Amino acid sequence: MIRRRRPIARRSAPIKRSRPRRQRKGKRASLARQADALWSQIVRRPGVCHFAGKQINGKWHVCGGSLQAMHGIPRTYRATRWLPINGWPGCAAVHYYYTVRKEEWGHFLVNEWGEPVFNELWRVARKMEKQDLRVVVSKLTSEMEANS
């Protein structure tokens, strides 16, 4: 014999809350996603992997997979997250390779940027200053339009 469950009683009045609800992620998160998308388009604009035809770990690299935007200094540092100098276009294989091998990535960055630029970007990244995302988005948008 199958038992039927009783219907759930519905309340007519809303439940009173002792504290206000948390706000959903709003405008700031939306601006960050928009800045990420613009930065990625700027970095991937060349259309080819930066590492194609170069030696990585003693082997010639042949691109495989989709083109991705790679951060030099990790994205968690928001001060340098959206700087176009902080990105390279790379295929999925290279992106994974250097994500796993942080020390080799550091050597690559020093060779590409030079020691003074590398140190300056890390100094800026560690400042942890809050950025005005509207300004970041407008700068990236103007750079996109200038390079179109």
N, C-alpha and C. Protein backbone atom coordinates (compact mmCIF):
# COMPACT_ATOMS: atom_id res chain seq x y z
N MET A 1 0.82 -1.16 0.00
CA MET A 1 0.00 0.00 0.00
C MET A 1 0.89 1.26 0.00
N ILE A 2 0.59 2.18 -0.88
CA ILE A 2 1.37 3.40 -1.02
C ILE A 2 0.71 4.51 -0.22
N ARG A 3 1.52 5.14 0.60
CA ARG A 3 1.00 6.25 1.39
C ARG A 3 1.20 7.55 0.64
N ARG A 4 0.24 8.38 0.75
CA ARG A 4 0.37 9.71 0.16
C ARG A 4 0.84 10.67 1.23
N ARG A 5 1.72 11.54 0.81
CA ARG A 5 2.18 12.55 1.75
C ARG A 5 1.16 13.67 1.84
N ARG A 6 1.12 14.28 3.00
CA ARG A 6 0.21 15.40 3.15
C ARG A 6 0.76 16.61 2.39
N PRO A 7 -0.10 17.42 1.85
CA PRO A 7 0.39 18.62 1.18
C PRO A 7 1.02 19.57 2.20
N ILE A 8 2.03 20.30 1.74
CA ILE A 8 2.73 21.24 2.61
C ILE A 8 1.86 22.48 2.78
N ALA A 9 1.73 22.89 4.01
CA ALA A 9 0.93 24.09 4.27
C ALA A 9 1.68 25.31 3.77
N ARG A 10 1.01 26.17 3.07
CA ARG A 10 1.64 27.38 2.54
C ARG A 10 1.34 28.54 3.47
N ARG A 11 2.30 29.37 3.64
CA ARG A 11 2.14 30.54 4.51
C ARG A 11 1.68 31.72 3.66
N SER A 12 0.78 32.48 4.19
CA SER A 12 0.29 33.62 3.43
C SER A 12 1.16 34.85 3.66
N ALA A 13 1.74 34.99 4.85
CA ALA A 13 2.56 36.16 5.14
C ALA A 13 4.04 35.79 5.01
N PRO A 14 4.86 36.71 4.53
CA PRO A 14 6.30 36.40 4.43
C PRO A 14 6.94 36.25 5.80
N ILE A 15 7.99 35.48 5.85
CA ILE A 15 8.71 35.25 7.10
C ILE A 15 9.51 36.50 7.44
N LYS A 16 9.41 36.94 8.69
CA LYS A 16 10.19 38.09 9.12
C LYS A 16 11.60 37.64 9.43
N ARG A 17 12.55 38.37 8.91
CA ARG A 17 13.95 38.03 9.14
C ARG A 17 14.55 38.99 10.14
N SER A 18 15.39 38.45 11.01
CA SER A 18 16.01 39.28 12.03
C SER A 18 17.14 40.13 11.43
N ARG A 19 17.76 39.66 10.37
CA ARG A 19 18.82 40.45 9.73
C ARG A 19 18.54 40.53 8.24
N PRO A 20 19.02 41.56 7.59
CA PRO A 20 18.73 41.70 6.16
C PRO A 20 19.43 40.63 5.33
N ARG A 21 18.86 40.33 4.21
CA ARG A 21 19.47 39.36 3.30
C ARG A 21 20.76 39.92 2.72
N ARG A 22 21.66 39.02 2.39
CA ARG A 22 22.89 39.45 1.72
C ARG A 22 22.56 39.84 0.29
N GLN A 23 23.22 40.87 -0.16
CA GLN A 23 23.04 41.28 -1.54
C GLN A 23 23.74 40.31 -2.47
N ARG A 24 23.15 40.07 -3.60
CA ARG A 24 23.80 39.24 -4.60
C ARG A 24 24.98 39.98 -5.17
N LYS A 25 25.90 39.19 -5.76
CA LYS A 25 27.01 39.84 -6.43
C LYS A 25 26.42 40.66 -7.56
N GLY A 26 26.76 41.89 -7.57
CA GLY A 26 26.10 42.77 -8.52
C GLY A 26 27.03 43.43 -9.49
N LYS A 27 27.03 44.73 -9.46
CA LYS A 27 27.70 45.54 -10.45
C LYS A 27 29.20 45.28 -10.51
N ARG A 28 29.84 45.16 -9.35
CA ARG A 28 31.29 44.97 -9.33
C ARG A 28 31.70 43.66 -10.00
N ALA A 29 31.00 42.58 -9.70
CA ALA A 29 31.32 41.29 -10.32
C ALA A 29 31.05 41.34 -11.82
N SER A 30 30.00 42.03 -12.21
CA SER A 30 29.67 42.16 -13.62
C SER A 30 30.76 42.94 -14.36
N LEU A 31 31.26 44.01 -13.75
CA LEU A 31 32.34 44.78 -14.36
C LEU A 31 33.62 43.97 -14.45
N ALA A 32 33.89 43.14 -13.44
CA ALA A 32 35.10 42.29 -13.47
C ALA A 32 35.01 41.28 -14.61
N ARG A 33 33.84 40.67 -14.80
CA ARG A 33 33.68 39.72 -15.91
C ARG A 33 33.85 40.42 -17.26
N GLN A 34 33.31 41.63 -17.35
CA GLN A 34 33.42 42.39 -18.59
C GLN A 34 34.90 42.75 -18.86
N ALA A 35 35.62 43.16 -17.83
CA ALA A 35 37.04 43.48 -17.97
C ALA A 35 37.84 42.23 -18.36
N ASP A 36 37.51 41.08 -17.76
CA ASP A 36 38.19 39.83 -18.12
C ASP A 36 37.98 39.50 -19.60
N ALA A 37 36.76 39.65 -20.09
CA ALA A 37 36.47 39.34 -21.48
C ALA A 37 37.21 40.28 -22.43
N LEU A 38 37.24 41.56 -22.12
CA LEU A 38 37.96 42.52 -22.96
C LEU A 38 39.45 42.24 -22.96
N TRP A 39 40.02 41.99 -21.77
CA TRP A 39 41.45 41.69 -21.66
C TRP A 39 41.80 40.45 -22.48
N SER A 40 40.98 39.44 -22.39
CA SER A 40 41.22 38.20 -23.12
C SER A 40 41.20 38.44 -24.63
N GLN A 41 40.27 39.24 -25.11
CA GLN A 41 40.21 39.54 -26.54
C GLN A 41 41.44 40.30 -27.00
N ILE A 42 41.91 41.25 -26.18
CA ILE A 42 43.10 42.02 -26.54
C ILE A 42 44.32 41.11 -26.61
N VAL A 43 44.47 40.23 -25.63
CA VAL A 43 45.64 39.35 -25.57
C VAL A 43 45.63 38.33 -26.72
N ARG A 44 44.46 37.80 -27.04
CA ARG A 44 44.37 36.77 -28.08
C ARG A 44 44.28 37.34 -29.50
N ARG A 45 44.33 38.66 -29.63
CA ARG A 45 44.19 39.30 -30.93
C ARG A 45 45.16 38.78 -32.00
N PRO A 46 46.45 38.49 -31.68
CA PRO A 46 47.34 38.00 -32.74
C PRO A 46 46.82 36.73 -33.43
N GLY A 47 46.05 35.93 -32.74
CA GLY A 47 45.43 34.76 -33.35
C GLY A 47 46.28 33.51 -33.41
N VAL A 48 47.52 33.59 -32.94
CA VAL A 48 48.38 32.40 -32.92
C VAL A 48 49.05 32.29 -31.56
N CYS A 49 49.44 31.09 -31.22
CA CYS A 49 50.13 30.83 -29.96
C CYS A 49 51.50 31.53 -29.98
N HIS A 50 51.81 32.23 -28.92
CA HIS A 50 53.09 32.94 -28.80
C HIS A 50 54.27 31.96 -28.83
N PHE A 51 54.02 30.74 -28.44
CA PHE A 51 55.08 29.74 -28.29
C PHE A 51 55.22 28.82 -29.49
N ALA A 52 54.43 29.03 -30.55
CA ALA A 52 54.49 28.17 -31.73
C ALA A 52 55.86 28.29 -32.38
N GLY A 53 56.46 27.15 -32.68
CA GLY A 53 57.77 27.13 -33.33
C GLY A 53 58.93 27.43 -32.40
N LYS A 54 58.69 27.49 -31.10
CA LYS A 54 59.77 27.73 -30.14
C LYS A 54 60.02 26.46 -29.35
N GLN A 55 61.20 26.38 -28.74
CA GLN A 55 61.51 25.21 -27.93
C GLN A 55 61.00 25.40 -26.51
N ILE A 56 60.32 24.39 -26.03
CA ILE A 56 59.88 24.34 -24.64
C ILE A 56 60.40 23.05 -24.07
N ASN A 57 61.23 23.16 -23.05
CA ASN A 57 61.81 21.99 -22.40
C ASN A 57 62.58 21.12 -23.39
N GLY A 58 63.28 21.77 -24.33
CA GLY A 58 64.12 21.06 -25.28
C GLY A 58 63.39 20.47 -26.47
N LYS A 59 62.08 20.67 -26.57
CA LYS A 59 61.31 20.13 -27.68
C LYS A 59 60.65 21.28 -28.43
N TRP A 60 60.54 21.14 -29.74
CA TRP A 60 59.86 22.15 -30.53
C TRP A 60 58.37 22.05 -30.27
N HIS A 61 57.74 23.20 -30.04
CA HIS A 61 56.32 23.20 -29.71
C HIS A 61 55.47 23.31 -30.97
N VAL A 62 54.53 22.39 -31.09
CA VAL A 62 53.52 22.44 -32.13
C VAL A 62 52.19 22.68 -31.40
N CYS A 63 51.48 23.71 -31.81
CA CYS A 63 50.26 24.09 -31.09
C CYS A 63 49.21 23.00 -31.14
N GLY A 64 48.50 22.88 -30.04
CA GLY A 64 47.39 21.96 -29.96
C GLY A 64 46.33 22.53 -29.05
N GLY A 65 45.11 22.44 -29.45
CA GLY A 65 44.02 22.95 -28.62
C GLY A 65 43.66 24.38 -28.95
N SER A 66 42.76 24.91 -28.18
CA SER A 66 42.23 26.25 -28.44
C SER A 66 43.21 27.32 -27.95
N LEU A 67 43.08 28.49 -28.52
CA LEU A 67 43.91 29.63 -28.12
C LEU A 67 43.35 30.23 -26.83
N GLN A 68 44.21 30.43 -25.85
CA GLN A 68 43.80 30.96 -24.56
C GLN A 68 44.67 32.14 -24.19
N ALA A 69 44.16 32.99 -23.32
CA ALA A 69 44.92 34.12 -22.80
C ALA A 69 45.59 33.69 -21.50
N MET A 70 46.91 33.86 -21.43
CA MET A 70 47.68 33.43 -20.27
C MET A 70 48.15 34.65 -19.49
N HIS A 71 47.97 34.64 -18.16
CA HIS A 71 48.46 35.72 -17.31
C HIS A 71 49.91 35.46 -16.93
N GLY A 72 50.73 36.50 -16.99
CA GLY A 72 52.11 36.39 -16.51
C GLY A 72 52.12 36.31 -14.99
N ILE A 73 51.59 37.34 -14.37
CA ILE A 73 51.40 37.36 -12.92
C ILE A 73 49.98 36.88 -12.69
N PRO A 74 49.75 35.97 -11.75
CA PRO A 74 48.43 35.35 -11.60
C PRO A 74 47.28 36.35 -11.48
N ARG A 75 46.10 35.92 -11.89
CA ARG A 75 44.89 36.75 -11.88
C ARG A 75 44.48 37.20 -10.50
N THR A 76 44.89 36.49 -9.48
CA THR A 76 44.47 36.84 -8.12
C THR A 76 44.97 38.22 -7.72
N TYR A 77 46.05 38.67 -8.32
CA TYR A 77 46.57 40.01 -8.06
C TYR A 77 45.84 40.98 -8.99
N ARG A 78 44.80 41.63 -8.46
CA ARG A 78 43.93 42.45 -9.29
C ARG A 78 44.60 43.71 -9.82
N ALA A 79 45.68 44.17 -9.20
CA ALA A 79 46.36 45.37 -9.67
C ALA A 79 46.98 45.16 -11.06
N THR A 80 47.38 43.93 -11.36
CA THR A 80 47.99 43.64 -12.66
C THR A 80 47.13 42.71 -13.52
N ARG A 81 45.98 42.35 -13.04
CA ARG A 81 45.14 41.36 -13.72
C ARG A 81 44.74 41.79 -15.13
N TRP A 82 44.44 43.08 -15.31
CA TRP A 82 43.92 43.54 -16.59
C TRP A 82 44.92 44.36 -17.39
N LEU A 83 46.20 44.28 -17.05
CA LEU A 83 47.22 44.98 -17.84
C LEU A 83 47.54 44.15 -19.08
N PRO A 84 47.44 44.73 -20.27
CA PRO A 84 47.74 43.96 -21.48
C PRO A 84 49.16 43.41 -21.53
N ILE A 85 50.12 44.09 -20.88
CA ILE A 85 51.50 43.58 -20.86
C ILE A 85 51.59 42.27 -20.09
N ASN A 86 50.63 42.00 -19.24
CA ASN A 86 50.63 40.82 -18.38
C ASN A 86 49.99 39.60 -19.05
N GLY A 87 49.90 39.59 -20.38
CA GLY A 87 49.25 38.46 -21.03
C GLY A 87 49.93 38.01 -22.30
N TRP A 88 49.77 36.73 -22.58
CA TRP A 88 50.27 36.12 -23.81
C TRP A 88 49.21 35.21 -24.38
N PRO A 89 49.12 35.14 -25.70
CA PRO A 89 48.24 34.13 -26.30
C PRO A 89 48.98 32.79 -26.32
N GLY A 90 48.32 31.77 -25.84
CA GLY A 90 48.95 30.45 -25.83
C GLY A 90 47.91 29.37 -26.02
N CYS A 91 48.31 28.27 -26.61
CA CYS A 91 47.37 27.17 -26.80
C CYS A 91 47.14 26.48 -25.44
N ALA A 92 46.15 25.65 -25.39
CA ALA A 92 45.78 24.99 -24.14
C ALA A 92 46.93 24.14 -23.58
N ALA A 93 47.69 23.50 -24.45
CA ALA A 93 48.78 22.64 -24.00
C ALA A 93 49.87 23.45 -23.27
N VAL A 94 50.23 24.59 -23.84
CA VAL A 94 51.26 25.44 -23.22
C VAL A 94 50.73 26.04 -21.92
N HIS A 95 49.47 26.45 -21.92
CA HIS A 95 48.87 27.04 -20.72
C HIS A 95 48.94 26.03 -19.57
N TYR A 96 48.59 24.80 -19.83
CA TYR A 96 48.66 23.77 -18.80
C TYR A 96 50.10 23.50 -18.39
N TYR A 97 51.00 23.42 -19.36
CA TYR A 97 52.41 23.13 -19.09
C TYR A 97 52.98 24.14 -18.10
N TYR A 98 52.78 25.42 -18.38
CA TYR A 98 53.35 26.44 -17.51
C TYR A 98 52.56 26.62 -16.22
N THR A 99 51.30 26.27 -16.18
CA THR A 99 50.53 26.33 -14.94
C THR A 99 51.09 25.34 -13.93
N VAL A 100 51.52 24.19 -14.41
CA VAL A 100 52.07 23.15 -13.54
C VAL A 100 53.51 23.46 -13.15
N ARG A 101 54.26 24.12 -14.04
CA ARG A 101 55.68 24.39 -13.82
C ARG A 101 55.91 25.88 -13.56
N LYS A 102 55.63 26.33 -12.36
CA LYS A 102 55.69 27.75 -11.98
C LYS A 102 57.11 28.32 -12.12
N GLU A 103 58.12 27.52 -11.77
CA GLU A 103 59.50 28.03 -11.82
C GLU A 103 59.93 28.32 -13.26
N GLU A 104 59.57 27.43 -14.18
CA GLU A 104 59.90 27.67 -15.59
C GLU A 104 59.15 28.89 -16.11
N TRP A 105 57.93 29.08 -15.66
CA TRP A 105 57.15 30.25 -16.08
C TRP A 105 57.82 31.53 -15.58
N GLY A 106 58.35 31.50 -14.37
CA GLY A 106 59.07 32.65 -13.84
C GLY A 106 60.30 32.98 -14.67
N HIS A 107 61.04 31.96 -15.09
CA HIS A 107 62.21 32.17 -15.95
C HIS A 107 61.79 32.75 -17.30
N PHE A 108 60.68 32.26 -17.84
CA PHE A 108 60.18 32.79 -19.11
C PHE A 108 59.84 34.28 -18.97
N LEU A 109 59.15 34.64 -17.88
CA LEU A 109 58.76 36.04 -17.67
C LEU A 109 59.98 36.95 -17.56
N VAL A 110 60.99 36.53 -16.85
CA VAL A 110 62.21 37.34 -16.71
C VAL A 110 62.87 37.51 -18.07
N ASN A 111 62.90 36.45 -18.88
CA ASN A 111 63.51 36.54 -20.22
C ASN A 111 62.70 37.45 -21.14
N GLU A 112 61.37 37.40 -21.05
CA GLU A 112 60.51 38.21 -21.92
C GLU A 112 60.50 39.68 -21.52
N TRP A 113 60.28 39.94 -20.23
CA TRP A 113 60.14 41.32 -19.75
C TRP A 113 61.47 41.96 -19.41
N GLY A 114 62.39 41.18 -18.93
CA GLY A 114 63.61 41.71 -18.34
C GLY A 114 63.42 41.83 -16.83
N GLU A 115 64.51 41.79 -16.13
CA GLU A 115 64.47 41.79 -14.65
C GLU A 115 63.79 43.04 -14.07
N PRO A 116 64.08 44.27 -14.56
CA PRO A 116 63.45 45.45 -13.95
C PRO A 116 61.93 45.47 -14.10
N VAL A 117 61.43 45.14 -15.30
CA VAL A 117 59.98 45.14 -15.53
C VAL A 117 59.31 44.04 -14.70
N PHE A 118 59.92 42.87 -14.64
CA PHE A 118 59.40 41.76 -13.85
C PHE A 118 59.24 42.17 -12.38
N ASN A 119 60.29 42.77 -11.82
CA ASN A 119 60.24 43.19 -10.40
C ASN A 119 59.22 44.29 -10.18
N GLU A 120 59.13 45.24 -11.12
CA GLU A 120 58.17 46.34 -10.98
C GLU A 120 56.73 45.83 -11.02
N LEU A 121 56.44 44.91 -11.93
CA LEU A 121 55.08 44.36 -12.01
C LEU A 121 54.71 43.58 -10.75
N TRP A 122 55.66 42.84 -10.19
CA TRP A 122 55.38 42.13 -8.94
C TRP A 122 55.18 43.11 -7.79
N ARG A 123 55.94 44.23 -7.79
CA ARG A 123 55.77 45.23 -6.75
C ARG A 123 54.37 45.85 -6.83
N VAL A 124 53.94 46.17 -8.04
CA VAL A 124 52.60 46.73 -8.25
C VAL A 124 51.53 45.71 -7.84
N ALA A 125 51.74 44.46 -8.20
CA ALA A 125 50.76 43.41 -7.90
C ALA A 125 50.57 43.24 -6.40
N ARG A 126 51.63 43.35 -5.65
CA ARG A 126 51.55 43.11 -4.20
C ARG A 126 51.02 44.30 -3.41
N LYS A 127 50.80 45.43 -4.06
CA LYS A 127 50.27 46.60 -3.35
C LYS A 127 48.86 46.36 -2.85
N MET A 128 48.09 45.56 -3.56
CA MET A 128 46.72 45.22 -3.20
C MET A 128 45.80 46.44 -3.12
N GLU A 129 45.98 47.37 -4.04
CA GLU A 129 45.09 48.52 -4.09
C GLU A 129 43.81 48.16 -4.81
N LYS A 130 42.72 48.70 -4.33
CA LYS A 130 41.43 48.44 -4.96
C LYS A 130 41.33 49.28 -6.23
N GLN A 131 40.88 48.66 -7.30
CA GLN A 131 40.80 49.36 -8.58
C GLN A 131 39.37 49.77 -8.87
N ASP A 132 39.25 50.88 -9.58
CA ASP A 132 37.94 51.31 -10.07
C ASP A 132 37.68 50.56 -11.37
N LEU A 133 36.78 49.61 -11.31
CA LEU A 133 36.57 48.74 -12.47
C LEU A 133 35.95 49.46 -13.65
N ARG A 134 35.21 50.54 -13.39
CA ARG A 134 34.66 51.31 -14.52
C ARG A 134 35.79 51.90 -15.35
N VAL A 135 36.83 52.39 -14.68
CA VAL A 135 37.99 52.96 -15.37
C VAL A 135 38.72 51.86 -16.14
N VAL A 136 38.89 50.70 -15.51
CA VAL A 136 39.57 49.57 -16.17
C VAL A 136 38.82 49.17 -17.43
N VAL A 137 37.50 49.04 -17.34
CA VAL A 137 36.70 48.64 -18.50
C VAL A 137 36.79 49.70 -19.59
N SER A 138 36.74 50.97 -19.23
CA SER A 138 36.81 52.02 -20.25
C SER A 138 38.18 52.04 -20.93
N LYS A 139 39.27 51.82 -20.18
CA LYS A 139 40.60 51.75 -20.77
C LYS A 139 40.72 50.58 -21.74
N LEU A 140 40.24 49.41 -21.30
CA LEU A 140 40.30 48.23 -22.17
C LEU A 140 39.43 48.40 -23.41
N THR A 141 38.27 49.03 -23.27
CA THR A 141 37.40 49.26 -24.41
C THR A 141 38.07 50.21 -25.41
N SER A 142 38.69 51.27 -24.91
CA SER A 142 39.36 52.20 -25.81
C SER A 142 40.55 51.54 -26.51
N GLU A 143 41.26 50.66 -25.79
CA GLU A 143 42.36 49.93 -26.43
C GLU A 143 41.87 48.97 -27.50
N MET A 144 40.73 48.34 -27.25
CA MET A 144 40.14 47.45 -28.26
C MET A 144 39.79 48.25 -29.51
N GLU A 145 39.17 49.40 -29.31
CA GLU A 145 38.75 50.22 -30.45
C GLU A 145 39.95 50.80 -31.19
N ALA A 146 41.03 51.15 -30.46
CA ALA A 146 42.22 51.70 -31.10
C ALA A 146 42.93 50.67 -31.96
N ASN A 147 42.89 49.41 -31.54
CA ASN A 147 43.58 48.36 -32.29
C ASN A 147 42.72 47.70 -33.35
N SER A 148 41.46 48.12 -33.47
CA SER A 148 40.56 47.50 -34.47
C SER A 148 40.81 48.03 -35.85
